[in-house]
Amino acid sequence: MELKLKDEYIKLGQALKASGIVSSGLDAKYIIQDGLVKVNGEIETRRGKKLYNGDIVEYEEKIITII
């Protein structure tokens, strides 16, 4: 799945919500804190991590490419 940036960056929690992987910011907070989300192949535990063009987010079998 591709997520198109509207600004220079998007925060990780917002990207998960915008892509439909989670239904709320609270759900995003929990899966990120639990170490279930990877950014560019590394576990990311910061919900406010800034994602830029070319970053790849992974959660379970789902992959989001930031464009």
N, C-alpha and C. Protein backbone atom coordinates (compact mmCIF):
# COMPACT_ATOMS: atom_id res chain seq x y z
N MET A 1 0.84 -1.16 0.00
CA MET A 1 0.00 0.00 0.00
C MET A 1 0.89 1.24 0.00
N GLU A 2 0.48 2.27 -0.71
CA GLU A 2 1.23 3.52 -0.75
C GLU A 2 0.43 4.61 -0.06
N LEU A 3 1.14 5.43 0.71
CA LEU A 3 0.52 6.55 1.40
C LEU A 3 1.22 7.82 0.92
N LYS A 4 0.46 8.68 0.25
CA LYS A 4 1.03 9.90 -0.34
C LYS A 4 1.09 11.00 0.72
N LEU A 5 2.27 11.61 0.81
CA LEU A 5 2.46 12.72 1.75
C LEU A 5 1.75 13.97 1.25
N LYS A 6 1.11 14.69 2.18
CA LYS A 6 0.52 15.98 1.85
C LYS A 6 1.45 17.10 2.29
N ASP A 7 2.29 16.80 3.28
CA ASP A 7 3.28 17.75 3.80
C ASP A 7 4.66 17.12 3.65
N GLU A 8 5.64 17.71 4.32
CA GLU A 8 7.01 17.20 4.23
C GLU A 8 7.15 15.82 4.87
N TYR A 9 6.36 15.56 5.92
CA TYR A 9 6.42 14.28 6.63
C TYR A 9 5.07 13.96 7.24
N ILE A 10 4.93 12.73 7.73
CA ILE A 10 3.77 12.30 8.49
C ILE A 10 4.29 11.51 9.68
N LYS A 11 3.63 11.63 10.81
CA LYS A 11 4.06 10.89 12.00
C LYS A 11 3.56 9.44 11.90
N LEU A 12 4.30 8.55 12.53
CA LEU A 12 4.00 7.12 12.43
C LEU A 12 2.57 6.80 12.84
N GLY A 13 2.12 7.29 13.97
CA GLY A 13 0.76 7.03 14.43
C GLY A 13 -0.28 7.50 13.42
N GLN A 14 -0.04 8.67 12.84
CA GLN A 14 -0.96 9.22 11.84
C GLN A 14 -0.97 8.37 10.58
N ALA A 15 0.20 7.86 10.20
CA ALA A 15 0.29 7.03 8.99
C ALA A 15 -0.48 5.73 9.17
N LEU A 16 -0.38 5.13 10.34
CA LEU A 16 -1.11 3.88 10.59
C LEU A 16 -2.61 4.12 10.53
N LYS A 17 -3.04 5.23 11.07
CA LYS A 17 -4.47 5.56 11.06
C LYS A 17 -4.93 5.92 9.64
N ALA A 18 -4.16 6.75 8.93
CA ALA A 18 -4.54 7.17 7.58
C ALA A 18 -4.62 6.00 6.60
N SER A 19 -3.79 4.98 6.82
CA SER A 19 -3.78 3.83 5.92
C SER A 19 -4.87 2.81 6.26
N GLY A 20 -5.54 3.00 7.40
CA GLY A 20 -6.61 2.09 7.79
C GLY A 20 -6.13 0.86 8.55
N ILE A 21 -4.85 0.80 8.89
CA ILE A 21 -4.34 -0.34 9.65
C ILE A 21 -4.92 -0.35 11.06
N VAL A 22 -5.08 0.83 11.64
CA VAL A 22 -5.73 0.97 12.95
C VAL A 22 -6.90 1.93 12.80
N SER A 23 -7.86 1.83 13.71
CA SER A 23 -9.03 2.70 13.61
C SER A 23 -8.92 3.95 14.46
N SER A 24 -7.96 3.96 15.39
CA SER A 24 -7.82 5.14 16.25
C SER A 24 -6.36 5.37 16.62
N GLY A 25 -6.09 6.58 17.07
CA GLY A 25 -4.75 6.90 17.53
C GLY A 25 -4.35 6.07 18.74
N LEU A 26 -5.32 5.72 19.56
CA LEU A 26 -5.04 4.90 20.74
C LEU A 26 -4.58 3.51 20.34
N ASP A 27 -5.24 2.93 19.32
CA ASP A 27 -4.81 1.62 18.82
C ASP A 27 -3.38 1.70 18.28
N ALA A 28 -3.08 2.77 17.56
CA ALA A 28 -1.73 2.97 17.02
C ALA A 28 -0.72 3.04 18.16
N LYS A 29 -1.06 3.79 19.20
CA LYS A 29 -0.17 3.94 20.35
C LYS A 29 0.20 2.58 20.93
N TYR A 30 -0.80 1.73 21.12
CA TYR A 30 -0.54 0.42 21.74
C TYR A 30 0.32 -0.49 20.87
N ILE A 31 0.03 -0.58 19.58
CA ILE A 31 0.82 -1.50 18.76
C ILE A 31 2.25 -1.00 18.58
N ILE A 32 2.41 0.33 18.58
CA ILE A 32 3.76 0.89 18.46
C ILE A 32 4.53 0.66 19.76
N GLN A 33 3.91 0.95 20.90
CA GLN A 33 4.57 0.75 22.20
C GLN A 33 4.94 -0.72 22.43
N ASP A 34 4.13 -1.61 21.91
CA ASP A 34 4.39 -3.05 22.09
C ASP A 34 5.47 -3.57 21.15
N GLY A 35 6.05 -2.70 20.33
CA GLY A 35 7.14 -3.10 19.45
C GLY A 35 6.71 -3.93 18.26
N LEU A 36 5.47 -3.74 17.80
CA LEU A 36 4.93 -4.55 16.70
C LEU A 36 5.09 -3.89 15.34
N VAL A 37 5.60 -2.65 15.31
CA VAL A 37 5.71 -1.90 14.06
C VAL A 37 7.18 -1.69 13.72
N LYS A 38 7.51 -1.89 12.45
CA LYS A 38 8.87 -1.64 11.98
C LYS A 38 8.86 -0.49 10.98
N VAL A 39 9.90 0.33 11.06
CA VAL A 39 10.12 1.39 10.08
C VAL A 39 11.48 1.13 9.45
N ASN A 40 11.48 0.96 8.14
CA ASN A 40 12.71 0.67 7.40
C ASN A 40 13.45 -0.53 7.99
N GLY A 41 12.68 -1.56 8.40
CA GLY A 41 13.26 -2.81 8.88
C GLY A 41 13.64 -2.85 10.35
N GLU A 42 13.45 -1.74 11.08
CA GLU A 42 13.81 -1.71 12.50
C GLU A 42 12.58 -1.41 13.34
N ILE A 43 12.46 -2.07 14.49
CA ILE A 43 11.34 -1.84 15.39
C ILE A 43 11.35 -0.38 15.84
N GLU A 44 10.18 0.23 15.76
CA GLU A 44 10.04 1.64 16.16
C GLU A 44 9.00 1.74 17.28
N THR A 45 9.37 2.37 18.38
CA THR A 45 8.45 2.48 19.52
C THR A 45 8.00 3.91 19.78
N ARG A 46 8.32 4.82 18.87
CA ARG A 46 7.90 6.22 19.02
C ARG A 46 6.75 6.53 18.07
N ARG A 47 5.61 6.84 18.63
CA ARG A 47 4.43 7.15 17.82
C ARG A 47 4.64 8.41 16.98
N GLY A 48 5.46 9.34 17.48
CA GLY A 48 5.71 10.59 16.79
C GLY A 48 6.85 10.55 15.79
N LYS A 49 7.40 9.35 15.52
CA LYS A 49 8.49 9.21 14.54
C LYS A 49 8.05 9.81 13.22
N LYS A 50 8.87 10.71 12.68
CA LYS A 50 8.54 11.37 11.41
C LYS A 50 8.92 10.46 10.24
N LEU A 51 7.98 10.28 9.34
CA LEU A 51 8.19 9.46 8.15
C LEU A 51 8.26 10.37 6.93
N TYR A 52 9.23 10.09 6.09
CA TYR A 52 9.46 10.89 4.89
C TYR A 52 9.32 10.03 3.65
N ASN A 53 9.34 10.67 2.50
CA ASN A 53 9.26 9.99 1.22
C ASN A 53 10.27 8.84 1.15
N GLY A 54 9.80 7.65 0.82
CA GLY A 54 10.67 6.48 0.70
C GLY A 54 10.71 5.58 1.92
N ASP A 55 10.18 6.05 3.07
CA ASP A 55 10.16 5.20 4.26
C ASP A 55 9.16 4.06 4.09
N ILE A 56 9.46 2.94 4.73
CA ILE A 56 8.60 1.75 4.64
C ILE A 56 8.20 1.34 6.05
N VAL A 57 6.89 1.19 6.26
CA VAL A 57 6.33 0.81 7.55
C VAL A 57 5.76 -0.59 7.42
N GLU A 58 6.07 -1.45 8.40
CA GLU A 58 5.56 -2.83 8.39
C GLU A 58 4.82 -3.11 9.69
N TYR A 59 3.65 -3.74 9.56
CA TYR A 59 2.88 -4.20 10.71
C TYR A 59 2.21 -5.50 10.30
N GLU A 60 2.52 -6.57 11.00
CA GLU A 60 2.05 -7.92 10.63
C GLU A 60 2.38 -8.18 9.17
N GLU A 61 1.41 -8.45 8.34
CA GLU A 61 1.66 -8.74 6.92
C GLU A 61 1.48 -7.50 6.05
N LYS A 62 1.19 -6.36 6.67
CA LYS A 62 0.89 -5.15 5.92
C LYS A 62 2.12 -4.27 5.77
N ILE A 63 2.31 -3.71 4.59
CA ILE A 63 3.44 -2.83 4.31
C ILE A 63 2.92 -1.54 3.71
N ILE A 64 3.38 -0.42 4.28
CA ILE A 64 3.02 0.90 3.77
C ILE A 64 4.30 1.56 3.25
N THR A 65 4.25 2.06 2.03
CA THR A 65 5.37 2.82 1.48
C THR A 65 4.95 4.29 1.44
N ILE A 66 5.76 5.13 2.03
CA ILE A 66 5.47 6.57 2.06
C ILE A 66 6.00 7.17 0.75
N ILE A 67 5.10 7.86 0.03
CA ILE A 67 5.51 8.47 -1.25
C ILE A 67 5.15 9.96 -1.25
